C-alpha atoms as a PDB file:
ATOM      1  CA  UNK A   1      -1.324   9.535  72.352  1.00  0.00           C
ATOM      2  CA  UNK A   2      -0.145  13.035  72.223  1.00  0.00           C
ATOM      3  CA  UNK A   3      -1.621  16.441  73.454  1.00  0.00           C
ATOM      4  CA  UNK A   4      -2.002  19.923  72.076  1.00  0.00           C
ATOM      5  CA  UNK A   5       0.457  22.227  73.885  1.00  0.00           C
ATOM      6  CA  UNK A   6      -0.037  25.408  71.804  1.00  0.00           C
ATOM      7  CA  UNK A   7      -2.733  26.882  69.457  1.00  0.00           C
ATOM      8  CA  UNK A   8      -1.659  29.859  67.387  1.00  0.00           C
ATOM      9  CA  UNK A   9      -3.723  31.985  65.111  1.00  0.00           C
ATOM     10  CA  UNK A  10      -2.348  34.632  62.669  1.00  0.00           C
ATOM     11  CA  UNK A  11      -5.280  36.887  61.780  1.00  0.00           C
ATOM     12  CA  UNK A  12      -3.259  38.964  59.306  1.00  0.00           C
ATOM     13  CA  UNK A  13      -1.073  36.926  56.913  1.00  0.00           C
ATOM     14  CA  UNK A  14       2.590  37.445  57.529  1.00  0.00           C
ATOM     15  CA  UNK A  15       2.009  39.336  60.835  1.00  0.00           C
ATOM     16  CA  UNK A  16       2.666  38.040  64.425  1.00  0.00           C
ATOM     17  CA  UNK A  17       0.636  35.165  65.839  1.00  0.00           C
ATOM     18  CA  UNK A  18      -1.342  34.932  69.014  1.00  0.00           C
ATOM     19  CA  UNK A  19      -1.549  31.805  71.254  1.00  0.00           C
ATOM     20  CA  UNK A  20      -5.026  30.954  72.533  1.00  0.00           C
ATOM     21  CA  UNK A  21      -6.295  28.432  75.127  1.00  0.00           C
ATOM     22  CA  UNK A  22      -9.211  27.341  72.931  1.00  0.00           C
ATOM     23  CA  UNK A  23     -10.716  28.321  69.591  1.00  0.00           C
ATOM     24  CA  UNK A  24     -13.066  26.928  66.927  1.00  0.00           C
ATOM     25  CA  UNK A  25     -11.533  25.173  64.031  1.00  0.00           C
ATOM     26  CA  UNK A  26     -13.478  26.234  60.927  1.00  0.00           C
ATOM     27  CA  UNK A  27     -13.240  24.673  57.485  1.00  0.00           C
ATOM     28  CA  UNK A  28     -10.672  27.322  56.597  1.00  0.00           C
ATOM     29  CA  UNK A  29      -8.509  26.815  59.833  1.00  0.00           C
ATOM     30  CA  UNK A  30      -8.399  28.278  63.316  1.00  0.00           C
ATOM     31  CA  UNK A  31     -10.998  30.985  63.784  1.00  0.00           C
ATOM     32  CA  UNK A  32      -9.865  34.178  61.888  1.00  0.00           C
ATOM     33  CA  UNK A  33      -6.546  32.646  60.825  1.00  0.00           C
ATOM     34  CA  UNK A  34      -5.145  34.461  57.813  1.00  0.00           C
ATOM     35  CA  UNK A  35      -8.547  36.165  57.218  1.00  0.00           C
ATOM     36  CA  UNK A  36      -6.614  39.439  56.536  1.00  0.00           C
ATOM     37  CA  UNK A  37      -3.726  40.122  54.195  1.00  0.00           C
ATOM     38  CA  UNK A  38      -1.488  43.222  53.537  1.00  0.00           C
ATOM     39  CA  UNK A  39      -1.051  43.930  49.813  1.00  0.00           C
ATOM     40  CA  UNK A  40       0.950  46.513  47.754  1.00  0.00           C
ATOM     41  CA  UNK A  41      -0.580  49.042  45.411  1.00  0.00           C
ATOM     42  CA  UNK A  42      -0.998  46.322  42.700  1.00  0.00           C
ATOM     43  CA  UNK A  43      -2.815  43.957  45.164  1.00  0.00           C
ATOM     44  CA  UNK A  44       0.151  41.590  45.414  1.00  0.00           C
ATOM     45  CA  UNK A  45       0.502  40.169  48.955  1.00  0.00           C
ATOM     46  CA  UNK A  46       3.171  41.292  51.257  1.00  0.00           C
ATOM     47  CA  UNK A  47       5.273  38.674  52.927  1.00  0.00           C
ATOM     48  CA  UNK A  48       8.059  38.420  55.423  1.00  0.00           C
ATOM     49  CA  UNK A  49      10.235  37.229  52.626  1.00  0.00           C
ATOM     50  CA  UNK A  50      10.370  40.764  51.442  1.00  0.00           C
ATOM     51  CA  UNK A  51       8.885  42.699  54.313  1.00  0.00           C
ATOM     52  CA  UNK A  52      10.204  41.156  57.565  1.00  0.00           C
ATOM     53  CA  UNK A  53       8.840  43.987  59.619  1.00  0.00           C
ATOM     54  CA  UNK A  54       5.424  42.408  59.363  1.00  0.00           C
ATOM     55  CA  UNK A  55       6.524  40.197  62.111  1.00  0.00           C
ATOM     56  CA  UNK A  56       6.411  43.292  64.432  1.00  0.00           C
ATOM     57  CA  UNK A  57       2.735  43.837  63.819  1.00  0.00           C
ATOM     58  CA  UNK A  58       0.542  42.009  66.366  1.00  0.00           C
ATOM     59  CA  UNK A  59      -3.162  41.749  65.235  1.00  0.00           C
ATOM     60  CA  UNK A  60      -6.128  40.704  67.393  1.00  0.00           C
ATOM     61  CA  UNK A  61      -9.633  40.147  66.291  1.00  0.00           C
ATOM     62  CA  UNK A  62     -12.810  40.233  68.354  1.00  0.00           C
ATOM     63  CA  UNK A  63     -14.663  36.868  68.809  1.00  0.00           C
ATOM     64  CA  UNK A  64     -17.289  37.944  66.207  1.00  0.00           C
ATOM     65  CA  UNK A  65     -14.654  39.111  63.700  1.00  0.00           C
ATOM     66  CA  UNK A  66     -16.072  42.626  63.722  1.00  0.00           C
ATOM     67  CA  UNK A  67     -13.224  44.499  65.330  1.00  0.00           C
ATOM     68  CA  UNK A  68      -9.478  44.358  64.358  1.00  0.00           C
ATOM     69  CA  UNK A  69      -6.637  45.914  66.365  1.00  0.00           C
ATOM     70  CA  UNK A  70      -3.097  46.239  65.087  1.00  0.00           C
ATOM     71  CA  UNK A  71      -0.232  46.995  67.621  1.00  0.00           C
ATOM     72  CA  UNK A  72       3.485  47.407  67.037  1.00  0.00           C
ATOM     73  CA  UNK A  73       5.665  45.151  69.121  1.00  0.00           C
ATOM     74  CA  UNK A  74       8.662  47.251  68.305  1.00  0.00           C
ATOM     75  CA  UNK A  75      10.057  49.007  71.419  1.00  0.00           C
ATOM     76  CA  UNK A  76       9.583  52.818  71.245  1.00  0.00           C
ATOM     77  CA  UNK A  77       8.287  52.551  67.660  1.00  0.00           C
ATOM     78  CA  UNK A  78       6.023  55.501  68.172  1.00  0.00           C
ATOM     79  CA  UNK A  79       3.220  53.801  66.308  1.00  0.00           C
ATOM     80  CA  UNK A  80      -0.048  53.926  68.347  1.00  0.00           C
ATOM     81  CA  UNK A  81      -2.541  51.053  68.099  1.00  0.00           C
ATOM     82  CA  UNK A  82      -5.014  50.985  65.206  1.00  0.00           C
ATOM     83  CA  UNK A  83      -8.544  50.009  66.079  1.00  0.00           C
ATOM     84  CA  UNK A  84     -10.557  49.110  63.098  1.00  0.00           C
ATOM     85  CA  UNK A  85     -14.260  48.329  62.476  1.00  0.00           C
ATOM     86  CA  UNK A  86     -14.051  45.450  59.954  1.00  0.00           C
ATOM     87  CA  UNK A  87     -16.161  45.856  56.807  1.00  0.00           C
ATOM     88  CA  UNK A  88     -17.494  43.107  54.606  1.00  0.00           C
ATOM     89  CA  UNK A  89     -19.640  45.358  52.519  1.00  0.00           C
ATOM     90  CA  UNK A  90     -16.949  47.481  50.770  1.00  0.00           C
ATOM     91  CA  UNK A  91     -16.138  46.773  47.033  1.00  0.00           C
ATOM     92  CA  UNK A  92     -14.051  43.767  46.221  1.00  0.00           C
ATOM     93  CA  UNK A  93     -10.690  44.031  44.554  1.00  0.00           C
ATOM     94  CA  UNK A  94      -8.344  41.528  42.904  1.00  0.00           C
ATOM     95  CA  UNK A  95      -5.501  40.423  45.115  1.00  0.00           C
ATOM     96  CA  UNK A  96      -2.588  38.212  44.045  1.00  0.00           C
ATOM     97  CA  UNK A  97      -1.402  35.376  46.232  1.00  0.00           C
ATOM     98  CA  UNK A  98       1.487  33.371  44.680  1.00  0.00           C
ATOM     99  CA  UNK A  99       0.275  34.384  41.169  1.00  0.00           C
ATOM    100  CA  UNK A 100      -3.355  33.179  41.809  1.00  0.00           C
ATOM    101  CA  UNK A 101      -6.045  35.843  41.731  1.00  0.00           C
ATOM    102  CA  UNK A 102      -8.553  36.019  44.587  1.00  0.00           C
ATOM    103  CA  UNK A 103     -10.878  38.709  45.883  1.00  0.00           C
ATOM    104  CA  UNK A 104     -10.313  40.938  48.935  1.00  0.00           C
ATOM    105  CA  UNK A 105     -12.350  43.535  50.753  1.00  0.00           C
ATOM    106  CA  UNK A 106     -10.330  46.752  51.275  1.00  0.00           C
ATOM    107  CA  UNK A 107     -10.379  47.802  54.917  1.00  0.00           C
ATOM    108  CA  UNK A 108     -10.020  51.565  54.148  1.00  0.00           C
ATOM    109  CA  UNK A 109      -7.541  54.460  54.187  1.00  0.00           C
ATOM    110  CA  UNK A 110      -6.904  54.436  57.982  1.00  0.00           C
ATOM    111  CA  UNK A 111      -5.533  50.935  57.861  1.00  0.00           C
ATOM    112  CA  UNK A 112      -3.621  51.598  54.684  1.00  0.00           C
ATOM    113  CA  UNK A 113      -1.916  54.657  56.226  1.00  0.00           C
ATOM    114  CA  UNK A 114      -0.880  52.892  59.367  1.00  0.00           C
ATOM    115  CA  UNK A 115       0.619  49.940  57.496  1.00  0.00           C
ATOM    116  CA  UNK A 116       2.258  52.154  54.921  1.00  0.00           C
ATOM    117  CA  UNK A 117       4.050  54.221  57.611  1.00  0.00           C
ATOM    118  CA  UNK A 118       5.034  51.206  59.580  1.00  0.00           C
ATOM    119  CA  UNK A 119       6.372  49.141  56.673  1.00  0.00           C
ATOM    120  CA  UNK A 120       7.814  52.103  54.741  1.00  0.00           C
ATOM    121  CA  UNK A 121       6.034  50.976  51.552  1.00  0.00           C
ATOM    122  CA  UNK A 122       2.557  51.753  50.112  1.00  0.00           C
ATOM    123  CA  UNK A 123       0.306  49.101  51.569  1.00  0.00           C
ATOM    124  CA  UNK A 124      -3.406  48.301  51.960  1.00  0.00           C
ATOM    125  CA  UNK A 125      -5.265  45.756  54.145  1.00  0.00           C
ATOM    126  CA  UNK A 126      -7.923  43.349  52.691  1.00  0.00           C
ATOM    127  CA  UNK A 127     -10.154  40.744  54.245  1.00  0.00           C
ATOM    128  CA  UNK A 128     -11.340  37.469  52.824  1.00  0.00           C
ATOM    129  CA  UNK A 129     -14.909  37.949  51.453  1.00  0.00           C
ATOM    130  CA  UNK A 130     -17.679  35.827  52.907  1.00  0.00           C
ATOM    131  CA  UNK A 131     -18.199  34.137  49.500  1.00  0.00           C
ATOM    132  CA  UNK A 132     -14.403  33.139  49.335  1.00  0.00           C
ATOM    133  CA  UNK A 133     -14.360  29.560  47.957  1.00  0.00           C
ATOM    134  CA  UNK A 134     -10.763  28.774  47.494  1.00  0.00           C
ATOM    135  CA  UNK A 135      -9.954  25.147  47.055  1.00  0.00           C
ATOM    136  CA  UNK A 136      -6.574  23.970  48.444  1.00  0.00           C
ATOM    137  CA  UNK A 137      -4.449  21.185  47.008  1.00  0.00           C
ATOM    138  CA  UNK A 138      -2.826  18.143  48.515  1.00  0.00           C
ATOM    139  CA  UNK A 139      -4.003  14.569  49.429  1.00  0.00           C
ATOM    140  CA  UNK A 140      -7.181  15.735  51.327  1.00  0.00           C
ATOM    141  CA  UNK A 141      -9.390  18.371  49.674  1.00  0.00           C
ATOM    142  CA  UNK A 142      -9.926  21.475  51.711  1.00  0.00           C
ATOM    143  CA  UNK A 143     -10.118  25.258  51.801  1.00  0.00           C
ATOM    144  CA  UNK A 144      -8.403  28.084  53.518  1.00  0.00           C
ATOM    145  CA  UNK A 145      -8.301  31.888  53.763  1.00  0.00           C
ATOM    146  CA  UNK A 146      -5.091  33.615  52.760  1.00  0.00           C
ATOM    147  CA  UNK A 147      -2.797  30.871  54.021  1.00  0.00           C
ATOM    148  CA  UNK A 148      -0.002  29.876  51.792  1.00  0.00           C
ATOM    149  CA  UNK A 149      -1.847  26.559  51.114  1.00  0.00           C
ATOM    150  CA  UNK A 150      -3.801  24.260  53.515  1.00  0.00           C
ATOM    151  CA  UNK A 151      -5.816  25.323  56.420  1.00  0.00           C
ATOM    152  CA  UNK A 152      -3.677  23.934  59.365  1.00  0.00           C
ATOM    153  CA  UNK A 153      -0.032  23.630  59.991  1.00  0.00           C
ATOM    154  CA  UNK A 154       0.951  21.106  62.660  1.00  0.00           C
ATOM    155  CA  UNK A 155       4.373  20.701  64.276  1.00  0.00           C
ATOM    156  CA  UNK A 156       5.660  18.499  67.097  1.00  0.00           C
ATOM    157  CA  UNK A 157       8.006  19.403  69.846  1.00  0.00           C
ATOM    158  CA  UNK A 158      10.017  16.355  69.070  1.00  0.00           C
ATOM    159  CA  UNK A 159      10.728  17.608  65.603  1.00  0.00           C
ATOM    160  CA  UNK A 160      11.821  20.998  66.977  1.00  0.00           C
ATOM    161  CA  UNK A 161      14.039  19.281  69.608  1.00  0.00           C
ATOM    162  CA  UNK A 162      15.772  17.112  66.965  1.00  0.00           C
ATOM    163  CA  UNK A 163      16.484  20.270  64.875  1.00  0.00           C
ATOM    164  CA  UNK A 164      17.905  22.006  68.008  1.00  0.00           C
ATOM    165  CA  UNK A 165      20.201  19.028  68.480  1.00  0.00           C
ATOM    166  CA  UNK A 166      21.411  19.325  64.892  1.00  0.00           C
ATOM    167  CA  UNK A 167      21.907  23.078  65.315  1.00  0.00           C
ATOM    168  CA  UNK A 168      23.943  22.470  68.549  1.00  0.00           C
ATOM    169  CA  UNK A 169      26.265  20.237  66.643  1.00  0.00           C
ATOM    170  CA  UNK A 170      27.096  23.222  64.454  1.00  0.00           C
ATOM    171  CA  UNK A 171      27.437  25.525  67.503  1.00  0.00           C
ATOM    172  CA  UNK A 172      24.278  27.343  66.579  1.00  0.00           C
ATOM    173  CA  UNK A 173      21.632  28.362  69.209  1.00  0.00           C
ATOM    174  CA  UNK A 174      18.096  26.949  69.296  1.00  0.00           C
ATOM    175  CA  UNK A 175      15.385  28.689  67.496  1.00  0.00           C
ATOM    176  CA  UNK A 176      11.954  29.785  68.736  1.00  0.00           C
ATOM    177  CA  UNK A 177       8.992  27.759  67.419  1.00  0.00           C
ATOM    178  CA  UNK A 178       7.563  31.002  66.018  1.00  0.00           C
ATOM    179  CA  UNK A 179      10.216  30.742  63.144  1.00  0.00           C
ATOM    180  CA  UNK A 180       7.886  28.106  61.712  1.00  0.00           C
ATOM    181  CA  UNK A 181       4.572  29.707  62.259  1.00  0.00           C
ATOM    182  CA  UNK A 182       2.573  26.543  63.178  1.00  0.00           C
ATOM    183  CA  UNK A 183      -1.077  26.576  64.125  1.00  0.00           C
ATOM    184  CA  UNK A 184      -1.037  23.449  66.339  1.00  0.00           C
ATOM    185  CA  UNK A 185       1.975  22.347  68.422  1.00  0.00           C
ATOM    186  CA  UNK A 186       1.834  18.825  69.941  1.00  0.00           C
ATOM    187  CA  UNK A 187       3.937  16.972  72.507  1.00  0.00           C
ATOM    188  CA  UNK A 188       3.837  13.484  73.988  1.00  0.00           C
ATOM    189  CA  UNK A 189       1.874  12.686  77.083  1.00  0.00           C
ATOM    190  CA  UNK A 190       3.897  12.077  80.204  1.00  0.00           C
ATOM    191  CA  UNK A 191       5.501   8.526  80.481  1.00  0.00           C
ATOM    192  CA  UNK A 192       3.029   5.911  81.538  1.00  0.00           C
ATOM    193  CA  UNK A 193      -0.125   8.175  81.460  1.00  0.00           C
ATOM    194  CA  UNK A 194      -3.300   7.040  79.733  1.00  0.00           C
ATOM    195  CA  UNK A 195      -5.461   8.805  77.265  1.00  0.00           C
ATOM    196  CA  UNK A 196      -9.273   8.989  77.128  1.00  0.00           C
ATOM    197  CA  UNK A 197      -9.481   5.704  75.370  1.00  0.00           C
ATOM    198  CA  UNK A 198      -7.353   3.951  77.966  1.00  0.00           C
ATOM    199  CA  UNK A 199      -4.137   3.551  75.893  1.00  0.00           C
ATOM    200  CA  UNK A 200      -0.753   3.922  77.584  1.00  0.00           C
ATOM    201  CA  UNK A 201       1.002   6.904  76.323  1.00  0.00           C
ATOM    202  CA  UNK A 202       2.430   5.920  72.945  1.00  0.00           C
ATOM    203  CA  UNK A 203       5.978   6.678  71.755  1.00  0.00           C
ATOM    204  CA  UNK A 204       5.030   8.145  68.433  1.00  0.00           C
ATOM    205  CA  UNK A 205       4.855  11.712  69.629  1.00  0.00           C
ATOM    206  CA  UNK A 206       8.358  11.522  70.976  1.00  0.00           C
ATOM    207  CA  UNK A 207       9.642  10.510  67.485  1.00  0.00           C
ATOM    208  CA  UNK A 208      10.882  13.471  65.385  1.00  0.00           C
ATOM    209  CA  UNK A 209       8.725  14.038  62.361  1.00  0.00           C
ATOM    210  CA  UNK A 210       6.122  11.489  63.190  1.00  0.00           C
ATOM    211  CA  UNK A 211       3.561  14.015  62.116  1.00  0.00           C
ATOM    212  CA  UNK A 212       4.744  13.361  58.561  1.00  0.00           C
ATOM    213  CA  UNK A 213       2.940  10.034  58.702  1.00  0.00           C
ATOM    214  CA  UNK A 214      -0.357  11.084  60.093  1.00  0.00           C
ATOM    215  CA  UNK A 215      -3.155  10.808  57.528  1.00  0.00           C
ATOM    216  CA  UNK A 216      -6.276  11.257  59.679  1.00  0.00           C
ATOM    217  CA  UNK A 217      -6.384  12.571  63.242  1.00  0.00           C
ATOM    218  CA  UNK A 218      -9.047  13.697  65.590  1.00  0.00           C
ATOM    219  CA  UNK A 219      -8.277  16.518  68.064  1.00  0.00           C
ATOM    220  CA  UNK A 220     -11.076  17.566  70.425  1.00  0.00           C
ATOM    221  CA  UNK A 221     -14.252  17.754  68.396  1.00  0.00           C
ATOM    222  CA  UNK A 222     -12.447  18.221  65.106  1.00  0.00           C
ATOM    223  CA  UNK A 223     -10.792  15.965  62.518  1.00  0.00           C
ATOM    224  CA  UNK A 224      -7.915  16.693  60.232  1.00  0.00           C
ATOM    225  CA  UNK A 225      -6.824  15.101  56.943  1.00  0.00           C
ATOM    226  CA  UNK A 226      -3.314  15.105  55.708  1.00  0.00           C
ATOM    227  CA  UNK A 227      -2.568  17.300  52.670  1.00  0.00           C
ATOM    228  CA  UNK A 228       1.303  17.583  52.313  1.00  0.00           C
ATOM    229  CA  UNK A 229       4.542  18.304  53.962  1.00  0.00           C
ATOM    230  CA  UNK A 230       5.367  21.953  54.717  1.00  0.00           C
ATOM    231  CA  UNK A 231       8.022  23.187  52.409  1.00  0.00           C
ATOM    232  CA  UNK A 232      10.038  25.830  54.231  1.00  0.00           C
ATOM    233  CA  UNK A 233      11.012  29.185  52.786  1.00  0.00           C
ATOM    234  CA  UNK A 234      12.946  32.273  53.699  1.00  0.00           C
ATOM    235  CA  UNK A 235      10.386  33.303  56.366  1.00  0.00           C
ATOM    236  CA  UNK A 236      12.055  30.800  58.662  1.00  0.00           C
ATOM    237  CA  UNK A 237      15.244  33.032  58.541  1.00  0.00           C
ATOM    238  CA  UNK A 238      13.381  36.023  60.064  1.00  0.00           C
ATOM    239  CA  UNK A 239      13.870  36.594  63.756  1.00  0.00           C
ATOM    240  CA  UNK A 240      10.256  37.150  64.740  1.00  0.00           C
ATOM    241  CA  UNK A 241      11.143  39.494  67.753  1.00  0.00           C
ATOM    242  CA  UNK A 242      13.519  41.621  65.728  1.00  0.00           C
ATOM    243  CA  UNK A 243      11.479  41.702  62.503  1.00  0.00           C
ATOM    244  CA  UNK A 244      14.782  41.206  60.483  1.00  0.00           C
ATOM    245  CA  UNK A 245      16.644  38.232  58.908  1.00  0.00           C
ATOM    246  CA  UNK A 246      18.796  36.541  61.401  1.00  0.00           C
ATOM    247  CA  UNK A 247      21.238  34.427  59.286  1.00  0.00           C
ATOM    248  CA  UNK A 248      21.292  31.100  57.477  1.00  0.00           C
ATOM    249  CA  UNK A 249      19.446  28.907  60.030  1.00  0.00           C
ATOM    250  CA  UNK A 250      17.493  26.825  60.044  1.00  0.00           C
ATOM    251  CA  UNK A 251      17.481  26.331  56.273  1.00  0.00           C
ATOM    252  CA  UNK A 252      21.152  25.522  56.244  1.00  0.00           C
ATOM    253  CA  UNK A 253      20.769  22.726  58.721  1.00  0.00           C
ATOM    254  CA  UNK A 254      17.491  21.430  57.587  1.00  0.00           C
ATOM    255  CA  UNK A 255      19.069  21.014  53.990  1.00  0.00           C
ATOM    256  CA  UNK A 256      21.364  18.403  55.605  1.00  0.00           C
ATOM    257  CA  UNK A 257      18.537  15.962  56.475  1.00  0.00           C
ATOM    258  CA  UNK A 258      15.175  17.230  55.397  1.00  0.00           C
ATOM    259  CA  UNK A 259      15.639  17.839  51.622  1.00  0.00           C
ATOM    260  CA  UNK A 260      12.824  15.892  49.916  1.00  0.00           C
ATOM    261  CA  UNK A 261      11.639  15.226  46.387  1.00  0.00           C
ATOM    262  CA  UNK A 262       8.542  17.334  46.917  1.00  0.00           C
ATOM    263  CA  UNK A 263      10.952  20.303  46.506  1.00  0.00           C
ATOM    264  CA  UNK A 264      13.057  22.237  48.935  1.00  0.00           C
ATOM    265  CA  UNK A 265      13.371  21.331  52.656  1.00  0.00           C
ATOM    266  CA  UNK A 266      10.363  20.377  54.733  1.00  0.00           C
ATOM    267  CA  UNK A 267       9.486  20.775  58.427  1.00  0.00           C
ATOM    268  CA  UNK A 268       6.067  20.233  59.818  1.00  0.00           C
ATOM    269  CA  UNK A 269       2.878  19.019  58.161  1.00  0.00           C
ATOM    270  CA  UNK A 270      -0.194  20.581  56.437  1.00  0.00           C
ATOM    271  CA  UNK A 271      -3.719  19.425  56.996  1.00  0.00           C
ATOM    272  CA  UNK A 272      -7.237  20.198  55.663  1.00  0.00           C
ATOM    273  CA  UNK A 273     -10.177  20.358  57.972  1.00  0.00           C
ATOM    274  CA  UNK A 274     -12.326  17.291  57.553  1.00  0.00           C
ATOM    275  CA  UNK A 275     -14.706  18.007  60.498  1.00  0.00           C
ATOM    276  CA  UNK A 276     -14.800  21.509  62.153  1.00  0.00           C
ATOM    277  CA  UNK A 277     -15.105  21.751  65.986  1.00  0.00           C
ATOM    278  CA  UNK A 278     -13.629  23.215  69.139  1.00  0.00           C
ATOM    279  CA  UNK A 279      -9.914  22.853  69.902  1.00  0.00           C
ATOM    280  CA  UNK A 280      -8.334  23.500  73.284  1.00  0.00           C
ATOM    281  CA  UNK A 281      -4.855  23.286  74.735  1.00  0.00           C
ATOM    282  CA  UNK A 282      -4.658  19.888  76.451  1.00  0.00           C
ATOM    283  CA  UNK A 283      -6.804  18.077  73.853  1.00  0.00           C
ATOM    284  CA  UNK A 284      -5.580  14.613  72.908  1.00  0.00           C
ATOM    285  CA  UNK A 285      -4.368  13.976  69.348  1.00  0.00           C
ATOM    286  CA  UNK A 286      -5.796  10.588  68.349  1.00  0.00           C
ATOM    287  CA  UNK A 287      -4.323   9.240  65.077  1.00  0.00           C
ATOM    288  CA  UNK A 288      -7.025   7.417  63.171  1.00  0.00           C
ATOM    289  CA  UNK A 289      -4.921   6.502  60.104  1.00  0.00           C
ATOM    290  CA  UNK A 290      -1.159   6.315  59.431  1.00  0.00           C
ATOM    291  CA  UNK A 291       0.748   6.395  56.056  1.00  0.00           C
ATOM    292  CA  UNK A 292       4.218   6.438  54.690  1.00  0.00           C
ATOM    293  CA  UNK A 293       6.023   9.745  54.920  1.00  0.00           C
ATOM    294  CA  UNK A 294       6.646  11.382  51.555  1.00  0.00           C
ATOM    295  CA  UNK A 295      10.229  11.438  50.260  1.00  0.00           C
END
């Protein structure tokens, strides 16, 4: 058995995440996760790959989704908080996410002006329409908002600890988990403890990259189905506190031992939502089906 130690939602794609004690897992992921997106004047999504200052924008959404607040985490930035009434009735516009066209609801000139000034480039904010019916790829069918692909990204502390050991061999410092922008972080139960089903704490959650082999898992009231491994990109190079690129790590080290045939280097695992439900920190992760890790 393993347990959830962190739940992180990212209301605006590419912006900072917020840890929560509990949330509802919807078919599209954690409540409000990637339900908003910053786009350029042509409707192409902005990403930390090109706009690392997105990491310095901290969004929060009211429980009902009707109110969005954007705050700068940059010290002495001079940018006041933006408080926005979310609209779902404004005209739709085409938006581009990795070359695929979806619809977005523009959130108005005030949001556009705030983001344009902060990022130093013409920008607008859009929201996923209620009729959004995106289908995601991978082993288990699913949907998501404006996430790169699948609805949920899961990462274990054991995998992160193993990376840190590899970095230390190079004389490089450890990296914060926010470099990888997971939704669910898991850890092993204390030695010898028992889960709700009576099992002694298993060793799998202490094994680096054991999450690669999970095919079905229940967490709290929800169920997840494996879609694919998480292929890492240049976003992992961005120091999330500084909003700027911080060097070649972790991609340089991951390339030594996590380069797979699926393309690029992989770290963490993506899942579709098979059954929605409430998630909380402390929930047990019960693996219902295992498989072989992709190579």
